[in-house]
PDB file of N, CA and C in Angstrom:
ATOM      1  N   MET A   1     110.279-169.095   5.589  1.00  0.00           N
ATOM      2  CA  MET A   1     108.813-169.892   5.104  1.00  0.00           C
ATOM      3  C   MET A   1     108.946-171.192   6.345  1.00  0.00           C
ATOM      4  N   THR A   2     107.720-171.217   6.773  1.00  0.00           N
ATOM      5  CA  THR A   2     107.160-172.570   7.669  1.00  0.00           C
ATOM      6  C   THR A   2     106.783-173.539   6.644  1.00  0.00           C
ATOM      7  N   GLU A   3     106.904-174.741   7.158  1.00  0.00           N
ATOM      8  CA  GLU A   3     106.873-175.815   6.549  1.00  0.00           C
ATOM      9  C   GLU A   3     104.949-176.202   6.249  1.00  0.00           C
ATOM     10  N   PRO A   4     104.752-176.992   5.304  1.00  0.00           N
ATOM     11  CA  PRO A   4     103.533-177.254   5.238  1.00  0.00           C
ATOM     12  C   PRO A   4     102.527-177.895   6.080  1.00  0.00           C
ATOM     13  N   SER A   5     103.764-179.009   6.830  1.00  0.00           N
ATOM     14  CA  SER A   5     102.860-179.658   7.853  1.00  0.00           C
ATOM     15  C   SER A   5     102.628-178.815   8.966  1.00  0.00           C
ATOM     16  N   ASP A   6     103.604-177.896   9.252  1.00  0.00           N
ATOM     17  CA  ASP A   6     103.556-176.791  10.571  1.00  0.00           C
ATOM     18  C   ASP A   6     102.236-175.755  10.131  1.00  0.00           C
ATOM     19  N   MET A   7     101.582-176.308   8.706  1.00  0.00           N
ATOM     20  CA  MET A   7     100.474-175.214   8.781  1.00  0.00           C
ATOM     21  C   MET A   7      99.336-175.295   8.852  1.00  0.00           C
ATOM     22  N   ILE A   8      99.183-177.105   8.848  1.00  0.00           N
ATOM     23  CA  ILE A   8      98.093-177.976   8.704  1.00  0.00           C
ATOM     24  C   ILE A   8      97.314-177.851  10.243  1.00  0.00           C
ATOM     25  N   LEU A   9      97.856-178.314  10.839  1.00  0.00           N
ATOM     26  CA  LEU A   9      97.222-177.725  12.844  1.00  0.00           C
ATOM     27  C   LEU A   9      96.347-176.488  12.690  1.00  0.00           C
ATOM     28  N   PRO A  10      97.069-175.526  12.415  1.00  0.00           N
ATOM     29  CA  PRO A  10      96.522-174.082  12.681  1.00  0.00           C
ATOM     30  C   PRO A  10      95.317-174.185  11.717  1.00  0.00           C
ATOM     31  N   LEU A  11      95.596-174.185  10.631  1.00  0.00           N
ATOM     32  CA  LEU A  11      94.441-174.090   9.417  1.00  0.00           C
ATOM     33  C   LEU A  11      93.334-174.930   9.709  1.00  0.00           C
ATOM     34  N   LEU A  12      93.435-176.405  10.233  1.00  0.00           N
ATOM     35  CA  LEU A  12      92.423-177.071  10.552  1.00  0.00           C
ATOM     36  C   LEU A  12      91.805-176.451  11.891  1.00  0.00           C
ATOM     37  N   ARG A  13      92.688-176.336  12.826  1.00  0.00           N
ATOM     38  CA  ARG A  13      91.553-175.658  13.780  1.00  0.00           C
ATOM     39  C   ARG A  13      91.219-174.133  13.753  1.00  0.00           C
ATOM     40  N   GLU A  14      91.397-173.503  12.942  1.00  0.00           N
ATOM     41  CA  GLU A  14      90.884-172.305  12.298  1.00  0.00           C
ATOM     42  C   GLU A  14      89.743-172.706  11.427  1.00  0.00           C
ATOM     43  N   MET A  15      89.961-173.546  10.837  1.00  0.00           N
ATOM     44  CA  MET A  15      88.404-174.260   9.986  1.00  0.00           C
ATOM     45  C   MET A  15      87.517-174.519  11.142  1.00  0.00           C
ATOM     46  N   ARG A  16      88.090-175.547  12.416  1.00  0.00           N
ATOM     47  CA  ARG A  16      87.017-176.322  13.417  1.00  0.00           C
ATOM     48  C   ARG A  16      86.418-174.874  13.958  1.00  0.00           C
ATOM     49  N   GLU A  17      87.219-174.208  14.297  1.00  0.00           N
ATOM     50  CA  GLU A  17      86.652-172.752  15.155  1.00  0.00           C
ATOM     51  C   GLU A  17      85.515-171.834  14.253  1.00  0.00           C
ATOM     52  N   GLU A  18      85.922-171.601  12.951  1.00  0.00           N
ATOM     53  CA  GLU A  18      84.768-171.201  12.086  1.00  0.00           C
ATOM     54  C   GLU A  18      83.362-171.680  11.689  1.00  0.00           C
ATOM     55  N   THR A  19      83.696-173.516  11.710  1.00  0.00           N
ATOM     56  CA  THR A  19      82.465-173.815  11.396  1.00  0.00           C
ATOM     57  C   THR A  19      81.675-174.162  12.778  1.00  0.00           C
ATOM     58  N   ARG A  20      82.087-174.180  14.063  1.00  0.00           N
ATOM     59  CA  ARG A  20      81.758-173.847  15.411  1.00  0.00           C
ATOM     60  C   ARG A  20      80.754-172.152  15.013  1.00  0.00           C
ATOM     61  N   ARG A  21      81.408-171.550  15.092  1.00  0.00           N
ATOM     62  CA  ARG A  21      81.022-170.362  14.652  1.00  0.00           C
ATOM     63  C   ARG A  21      79.532-170.453  13.324  1.00  0.00           C
ATOM     64  N   SER A  22      79.803-170.833  12.793  1.00  0.00           N
ATOM     65  CA  SER A  22      78.795-170.891  11.339  1.00  0.00           C
ATOM     66  C   SER A  22      77.524-171.666  11.736  1.00  0.00           C
ATOM     67  N   PHE A  23      77.861-172.615  12.668  1.00  0.00           N
ATOM     68  CA  PHE A  23      76.786-173.355  13.313  1.00  0.00           C
ATOM     69  C   PHE A  23      76.071-172.957  14.538  1.00  0.00           C
ATOM     70  N   ALA A  24      76.623-172.273  15.319  1.00  0.00           N
ATOM     71  CA  ALA A  24      76.079-171.395  16.315  1.00  0.00           C
ATOM     72  C   ALA A  24      75.359-170.465  15.801  1.00  0.00           C
ATOM     73  N   GLU A  25      75.789-169.088  14.815  1.00  0.00           N
ATOM     74  CA  GLU A  25      75.041-168.825  14.296  1.00  0.00           C
ATOM     75  C   GLU A  25      73.605-169.499  13.581  1.00  0.00           C
ATOM     76  N   LEU A  26      73.785-170.373  12.933  1.00  0.00           N
ATOM     77  CA  LEU A  26      72.297-171.116  12.205  1.00  0.00           C
ATOM     78  C   LEU A  26      71.645-171.386  13.052  1.00  0.00           C
ATOM     79  N   ARG A  27      71.993-172.089  14.100  1.00  0.00           N
ATOM     80  CA  ARG A  27      71.090-172.403  15.304  1.00  0.00           C
ATOM     81  C   ARG A  27      70.418-171.414  15.847  1.00  0.00           C
ATOM     82  N   GLU A  28      71.149-170.228  16.521  1.00  0.00           N
ATOM     83  CA  GLU A  28      70.695-168.728  16.649  1.00  0.00           C
ATOM     84  C   GLU A  28      69.364-168.501  15.422  1.00  0.00           C
ATOM     85  N   GLU A  29      69.829-168.516  14.132  1.00  0.00           N
ATOM     86  CA  GLU A  29      68.637-167.812  13.386  1.00  0.00           C
ATOM     87  C   GLU A  29      67.859-168.979  13.845  1.00  0.00           C
ATOM     88  N   MET A  30      67.627-170.375  13.205  1.00  0.00           N
ATOM     89  CA  MET A  30      66.721-171.445  13.677  1.00  0.00           C
ATOM     90  C   MET A  30      66.036-171.189  14.453  1.00  0.00           C
ATOM     91  N   HIS A  31      66.415-170.755  15.750  1.00  0.00           N
ATOM     92  CA  HIS A  31      65.605-170.976  17.182  1.00  0.00           C
ATOM     93  C   HIS A  31      64.847-169.397  17.299  1.00  0.00           C
ATOM     94  N   ARG A  32      65.336-168.363  16.214  1.00  0.00           N
ATOM     95  CA  ARG A  32      64.603-167.249  16.171  1.00  0.00           C
ATOM     96  C   ARG A  32      63.625-167.640  15.116  1.00  0.00           C
ATOM     97  N   ARG A  33      63.709-168.160  14.284  1.00  0.00           N
ATOM     98  CA  ARG A  33      62.649-168.633  13.131  1.00  0.00           C
ATOM     99  C   ARG A  33      61.310-169.391  13.984  1.00  0.00           C
ATOM    100  N   PHE A  34      62.158-170.733  14.743  1.00  0.00           N
ATOM    101  CA  PHE A  34      60.913-171.361  14.973  1.00  0.00           C
ATOM    102  C   PHE A  34      60.283-170.837  16.476  1.00  0.00           C
ATOM    103  N   GLU A  35      60.648-169.801  16.753  1.00  0.00           N
ATOM    104  CA  GLU A  35      60.090-168.906  18.204  1.00  0.00           C
ATOM    105  C   GLU A  35      59.074-168.114  17.064  1.00  0.00           C
ATOM    106  N   ARG A  36      59.443-167.652  15.981  1.00  0.00           N
ATOM    107  CA  ARG A  36      57.950-166.687  15.235  1.00  0.00           C
ATOM    108  C   ARG A  36      57.098-167.912  14.883  1.00  0.00           C
ATOM    109  N   VAL A  37      57.634-169.400  14.169  1.00  0.00           N
ATOM    110  CA  VAL A  37      56.535-170.026  13.926  1.00  0.00           C
ATOM    111  C   VAL A  37      55.566-170.167  15.475  1.00  0.00           C
ATOM    112  N   ASP A  38      56.475-170.591  16.218  1.00  0.00           N
ATOM    113  CA  ASP A  38      55.518-170.955  17.413  1.00  0.00           C
ATOM    114  C   ASP A  38      54.260-169.953  17.599  1.00  0.00           C
ATOM    115  N   GLY A  39      54.832-168.769  17.287  1.00  0.00           N
ATOM    116  CA  GLY A  39      54.052-167.683  17.815  1.00  0.00           C
ATOM    117  C   GLY A  39      52.847-167.594  17.067  1.00  0.00           C
ATOM    118  N   ARG A  40      53.218-168.190  15.744  1.00  0.00           N
ATOM    119  CA  ARG A  40      52.094-167.968  14.474  1.00  0.00           C
ATOM    120  C   ARG A  40      51.147-169.254  14.654  1.00  0.00           C
ATOM    121  N   PHE A  41      51.409-170.314  15.309  1.00  0.00           N
ATOM    122  CA  PHE A  41      50.737-171.262  15.887  1.00  0.00           C
ATOM    123  C   PHE A  41      50.044-170.833  16.660  1.00  0.00           C
ATOM    124  N   ASP A  42      50.521-170.520  17.861  1.00  0.00           N
ATOM    125  CA  ASP A  42      49.790-169.984  18.627  1.00  0.00           C
ATOM    126  C   ASP A  42      48.442-169.249  18.268  1.00  0.00           C
ATOM    127  N   GLU A  43      48.696-167.891  17.427  1.00  0.00           N
ATOM    128  CA  GLU A  43      47.629-167.089  16.889  1.00  0.00           C
ATOM    129  C   GLU A  43      46.801-168.202  16.076  1.00  0.00           C
ATOM    130  N   VAL A  44      47.111-169.207  15.231  1.00  0.00           N
ATOM    131  CA  VAL A  44      46.516-169.640  14.506  1.00  0.00           C
ATOM    132  C   VAL A  44      45.217-170.759  15.763  1.00  0.00           C
ATOM    133  N   ASP A  45      45.786-170.974  16.563  1.00  0.00           N
ATOM    134  CA  ASP A  45      45.502-172.066  17.809  1.00  0.00           C
ATOM    135  C   ASP A  45      43.853-171.176  18.185  1.00  0.00           C
ATOM    136  N   VAL A  46      44.080-169.790  18.588  1.00  0.00           N
ATOM    137  CA  VAL A  46      43.300-168.734  19.330  1.00  0.00           C
ATOM    138  C   VAL A  46      42.178-168.639  18.275  1.00  0.00           C
ATOM    139  N   ARG A  47      42.462-168.232  17.202  1.00  0.00           N
ATOM    140  CA  ARG A  47      41.492-168.078  15.933  1.00  0.00           C
ATOM    141  C   ARG A  47      40.767-169.140  15.485  1.00  0.00           C
ATOM    142  N   LEU A  48      41.044-170.527  15.525  1.00  0.00           N
ATOM    143  CA  LEU A  48      40.587-171.755  15.504  1.00  0.00           C
ATOM    144  C   LEU A  48      39.522-171.955  16.445  1.00  0.00           C
ATOM    145  N   CYS A  49      40.085-172.117  17.704  1.00  0.00           N
ATOM    146  CA  CYS A  49      39.290-171.864  19.123  1.00  0.00           C
ATOM    147  C   CYS A  49      37.957-170.942  18.978  1.00  0.00           C
ATOM    148  N   ALA A  50      38.287-169.777  18.647  1.00  0.00           N
ATOM    149  CA  ALA A  50      37.338-168.844  17.951  1.00  0.00           C
ATOM    150  C   ALA A  50      36.090-169.494  17.508  1.00  0.00           C
ATOM    151  N   VAL A  51      36.720-169.986  16.156  1.00  0.00           N
ATOM    152  CA  VAL A  51      36.056-170.412  14.959  1.00  0.00           C
ATOM    153  C   VAL A  51      35.175-171.599  15.346  1.00  0.00           C
ATOM    154  N   GLU A  52      35.696-172.807  16.333  1.00  0.00           N
ATOM    155  CA  GLU A  52      34.986-173.726  16.920  1.00  0.00           C
ATOM    156  C   GLU A  52      34.045-173.458  17.714  1.00  0.00           C
ATOM    157  N   LYS A  53      34.253-172.287  18.786  1.00  0.00           N
ATOM    158  CA  LYS A  53      33.359-171.914  19.791  1.00  0.00           C
ATOM    159  C   LYS A  53      32.005-171.224  18.625  1.00  0.00           C
ATOM    160  N   ASN A  54      32.023-170.731  17.735  1.00  0.00           N
ATOM    161  CA  ASN A  54      31.488-169.725  16.685  1.00  0.00           C
ATOM    162  C   ASN A  54      30.067-170.886  16.343  1.00  0.00           C
ATOM    163  N   VAL A  55      30.894-171.751  16.077  1.00  0.00           N
ATOM    164  CA  VAL A  55      30.200-173.318  14.998  1.00  0.00           C
ATOM    165  C   VAL A  55      29.392-173.472  16.157  1.00  0.00           C
ATOM    166  N   LYS A  56      29.804-174.025  17.696  1.00  0.00           N
ATOM    167  CA  LYS A  56      28.981-175.004  18.434  1.00  0.00           C
ATOM    168  C   LYS A  56      28.003-173.960  18.716  1.00  0.00           C
ATOM    169  N   VAL A  57      28.064-172.411  18.887  1.00  0.00           N
ATOM    170  CA  VAL A  57      27.263-171.712  19.401  1.00  0.00           C
ATOM    171  C   VAL A  57      25.978-171.544  17.995  1.00  0.00           C
ATOM    172  N   GLN A  58      26.186-171.717  16.866  1.00  0.00           N
ATOM    173  CA  GLN A  58      25.544-171.754  15.765  1.00  0.00           C
ATOM    174  C   GLN A  58      24.621-173.226  15.705  1.00  0.00           C
ATOM    175  N   ARG A  59      25.852-174.320  16.104  1.00  0.00           N
ATOM    176  CA  ARG A  59      25.177-175.387  15.840  1.00  0.00           C
ATOM    177  C   ARG A  59      23.762-175.808  17.081  1.00  0.00           C
ATOM    178  N   GLU A  60      24.332-175.245  18.234  1.00  0.00           N
ATOM    179  CA  GLU A  60      23.222-175.391  19.232  1.00  0.00           C
ATOM    180  C   GLU A  60      21.928-174.361  18.970  1.00  0.00           C
ATOM    181  N   ALA A  61      22.128-172.826  18.483  1.00  0.00           N
ATOM    182  CA  ALA A  61      21.057-172.435  18.132  1.00  0.00           C
ATOM    183  C   ALA A  61      19.967-172.766  17.094  1.00  0.00           C
ATOM    184  N   PHE A  62      20.682-173.582  15.711  1.00  0.00           N
ATOM    185  CA  PHE A  62      19.876-173.942  15.153  1.00  0.00           C
ATOM    186  C   PHE A  62      19.315-175.719  15.562  1.00  0.00           C
ATOM    187  N   GLU A  63      19.865-176.257  16.384  1.00  0.00           N
ATOM    188  CA  GLU A  63      18.728-177.534  16.962  1.00  0.00           C
ATOM    189  C   GLU A  63      17.964-176.943  18.038  1.00  0.00           C
ATOM    190  N   GLY A  64      18.266-175.941  18.705  1.00  0.00           N
ATOM    191  CA  GLY A  64      17.361-175.379  19.447  1.00  0.00           C
ATOM    192  C   GLY A  64      16.059-175.094  18.650  1.00  0.00           C
ATOM    193  N   GLU A  65      16.293-174.176  17.529  1.00  0.00           N
ATOM    194  CA  GLU A  65      15.374-173.528  16.603  1.00  0.00           C
ATOM    195  C   GLU A  65      14.568-174.689  15.929  1.00  0.00           C
ATOM    196  N   SER A  66      15.417-176.055  15.587  1.00  0.00           N
ATOM    197  CA  SER A  66      14.717-176.814  14.874  1.00  0.00           C
ATOM    198  C   SER A  66      13.660-177.832  15.937  1.00  0.00           C
ATOM    199  N   ILE A  67      14.005-178.228  17.402  1.00  0.00           N
ATOM    200  CA  ILE A  67      13.305-178.651  18.052  1.00  0.00           C
ATOM    201  C   ILE A  67      11.928-177.732  18.514  1.00  0.00           C
ATOM    202  N   LEU A  68      12.232-176.201  18.484  1.00  0.00           N
ATOM    203  CA  LEU A  68      11.066-175.506  18.505  1.00  0.00           C
ATOM    204  C   LEU A  68      10.199-175.383  17.455  1.00  0.00           C
ATOM    205  N   GLY A  69      10.731-175.926  16.283  1.00  0.00           N
ATOM    206  CA  GLY A  69      10.013-175.763  15.171  1.00  0.00           C
ATOM    207  C   GLY A  69       9.074-177.050  15.138  1.00  0.00           C
ATOM    208  N   ARG A  70       9.908-177.997  15.885  1.00  0.00           N
ATOM    209  CA  ARG A  70       8.937-179.551  15.791  1.00  0.00           C
ATOM    210  C   ARG A  70       7.664-179.379  16.717  1.00  0.00           C
ATOM    211  N   TYR A  71       7.930-178.866  17.662  1.00  0.00           N
ATOM    212  CA  TYR A  71       6.953-178.423  18.840  1.00  0.00           C
ATOM    213  C   TYR A  71       5.774-177.836  17.962  1.00  0.00           C
ATOM    214  N   ALA A  72       6.332-176.706  17.531  1.00  0.00           N
ATOM    215  CA  ALA A  72       5.260-175.914  16.619  1.00  0.00           C
ATOM    216  C   ALA A  72       4.717-176.526  15.865  1.00  0.00           C
ATOM    217  N   ALA A  73       5.388-177.384  14.876  1.00  0.00           N
ATOM    218  CA  ALA A  73       4.389-177.885  13.713  1.00  0.00           C
ATOM    219  C   ALA A  73       3.737-178.634  14.704  1.00  0.00           C
ATOM    220  N   ARG A  74       4.042-179.602  15.640  1.00  0.00           N
ATOM    221  CA  ARG A  74       3.281-180.811  16.157  1.00  0.00           C
ATOM    222  C   ARG A  74       2.184-180.285  16.900  1.00  0.00           C
ATOM    223  N   GLU A  75       2.171-178.978  17.624  1.00  0.00           N
ATOM    224  CA  GLU A  75       1.135-177.847  17.875  1.00  0.00           C
ATOM    225  C   GLU A  75      -0.195-177.870  17.011  1.00  0.00           C
ATOM    226  N   VAL A  76       0.394-177.421  15.709  1.00  0.00           N
ATOM    227  CA  VAL A  76      -0.231-177.208  14.316  1.00  0.00           C
ATOM    228  C   VAL A  76      -1.217-178.412  14.216  1.00  0.00           C
ATOM    229  N   GLU A  77      -0.558-179.582  14.162  1.00  0.00           N
ATOM    230  CA  GLU A  77      -0.856-180.820  13.621  1.00  0.00           C
ATOM    231  C   GLU A  77      -2.475-181.453  14.294  1.00  0.00           C
ATOM    232  N   GLU A  78      -1.363-180.890  15.562  1.00  0.00           N
ATOM    233  CA  GLU A  78      -2.700-181.542  16.861  1.00  0.00           C
ATOM    234  C   GLU A  78      -3.993-180.483  17.062  1.00  0.00           C
ATOM    235  N   ARG A  79      -3.845-179.353  16.433  1.00  0.00           N
ATOM    236  CA  ARG A  79      -4.843-178.508  16.421  1.00  0.00           C
ATOM    237  C   ARG A  79      -5.680-178.774  14.939  1.00  0.00           C
ATOM    238  N   THR A  80      -4.783-178.557  13.984  1.00  0.00           N
ATOM    239  CA  THR A  80      -5.808-179.423  12.996  1.00  0.00           C
ATOM    240  C   THR A  80      -6.651-180.529  13.053  1.00  0.00           C
ATOM    241  N   SER A  81      -6.286-181.467  13.819  1.00  0.00           N
ATOM    242  CA  SER A  81      -6.835-182.724  13.730  1.00  0.00           C
ATOM    243  C   SER A  81      -7.708-182.550  14.407  1.00  0.00           C
ATOM    244  N   ALA A  82      -8.244-181.824  15.809  1.00  0.00           N
ATOM    245  CA  ALA A  82      -9.004-181.334  16.445  1.00  0.00           C
ATOM    246  C   ALA A  82     -10.051-180.617  15.603  1.00  0.00           C
ATOM    247  N   LEU A  83      -9.669-179.953  14.964  1.00  0.00           N
ATOM    248  CA  LEU A  83     -10.731-178.996  14.022  1.00  0.00           C
ATOM    249  C   LEU A  83     -11.504-180.133  13.131  1.00  0.00           C
ATOM    250  N   GLU A  84     -10.476-181.002  12.486  1.00  0.00           N
ATOM    251  CA  GLU A  84     -10.852-181.841  11.662  1.00  0.00           C
ATOM    252  C   GLU A  84     -11.957-182.672  12.224  1.00  0.00           C
ATOM    253  N   GLN A  85     -12.027-183.017  13.545  1.00  0.00           N
ATOM    254  CA  GLN A  85     -12.642-183.988  14.032  1.00  0.00           C
ATOM    255  C   GLN A  85     -14.275-183.242  14.661  1.00  0.00           C
ATOM    256  N   ASP A  86     -13.851-181.953  15.016  1.00  0.00           N
ATOM    257  CA  ASP A  86     -14.995-180.803  15.227  1.00  0.00           C
ATOM    258  C   ASP A  86     -15.708-180.964  13.413  1.00  0.00           C
ATOM    259  N   VAL A  87     -15.301-180.548  12.778  1.00  0.00           N
ATOM    260  CA  VAL A  87     -15.968-180.672  11.517  1.00  0.00           C
ATOM    261  C   VAL A  87     -16.853-181.962  10.950  1.00  0.00           C
ATOM    262  N   GLN A  88     -16.189-183.242  11.495  1.00  0.00           N
ATOM    263  CA  GLN A  88     -16.964-184.331  11.092  1.00  0.00           C
ATOM    264  C   GLN A  88     -17.852-184.558  12.236  1.00  0.00           C
ATOM    265  N   LYS A  89     -17.723-183.960  13.524  1.00  0.00           N
ATOM    266  CA  LYS A  89     -18.986-184.204  14.416  1.00  0.00           C
ATOM    267  C   LYS A  89     -19.914-183.532  13.643  1.00  0.00           C
ATOM    268  N   LEU A  90     -19.967-181.620  13.506  1.00  0.00           N
ATOM    269  CA  LEU A  90     -20.926-181.144  12.889  1.00  0.00           C
ATOM    270  C   LEU A  90     -21.661-181.899  11.735  1.00  0.00           C
ATOM    271  N   LYS A  91     -20.677-181.956  11.220  1.00  0.00           N
ATOM    272  CA  LYS A  91     -21.588-183.262   9.967  1.00  0.00           C
ATOM    273  C   LYS A  91     -22.323-184.191  10.263  1.00  0.00           C
ATOM    274  N   ARG A  92     -21.479-184.786  10.979  1.00  0.00           N
ATOM    275  CA  ARG A  92     -22.974-185.636  11.248  1.00  0.00           C
ATOM    276  C   ARG A  92     -24.036-185.788  12.063  1.00  0.00           C
ATOM    277  N   LYS A  93     -24.058-184.137  12.561  1.00  0.00           N
ATOM    278  CA  LYS A  93     -25.508-183.712  13.384  1.00  0.00           C
ATOM    279  C   LYS A  93     -26.054-183.055  12.315  1.00  0.00           C
ATOM    280  N   ASN A  94     -25.469-182.558  11.211  1.00  0.00           N
ATOM    281  CA  ASN A  94     -26.624-182.520  10.559  1.00  0.00           C
ATOM    282  C   ASN A  94     -26.969-183.568   9.213  1.00  0.00           C
TER     283      ASN A  94
END
């Protein structure tokens, strides 16, 4: 039977090699998972850009309608004022 001291170095070498293999497998698994996560983040980025674009379009449409509404309201106010002035003139004449 071999001496215990003769067995220590081969066992340590075997343990070191097994540890290297385990870490290599772990690195590969982590790399695969990070690739999947990166892919999912890319998908989320695309969807977020689409949402931001829709929000921008809706905001611009709302602002445009708001400005148009203000112009229309001002025009109605001006016409109403003109009619009131005409009524006042007619009342003065009578």
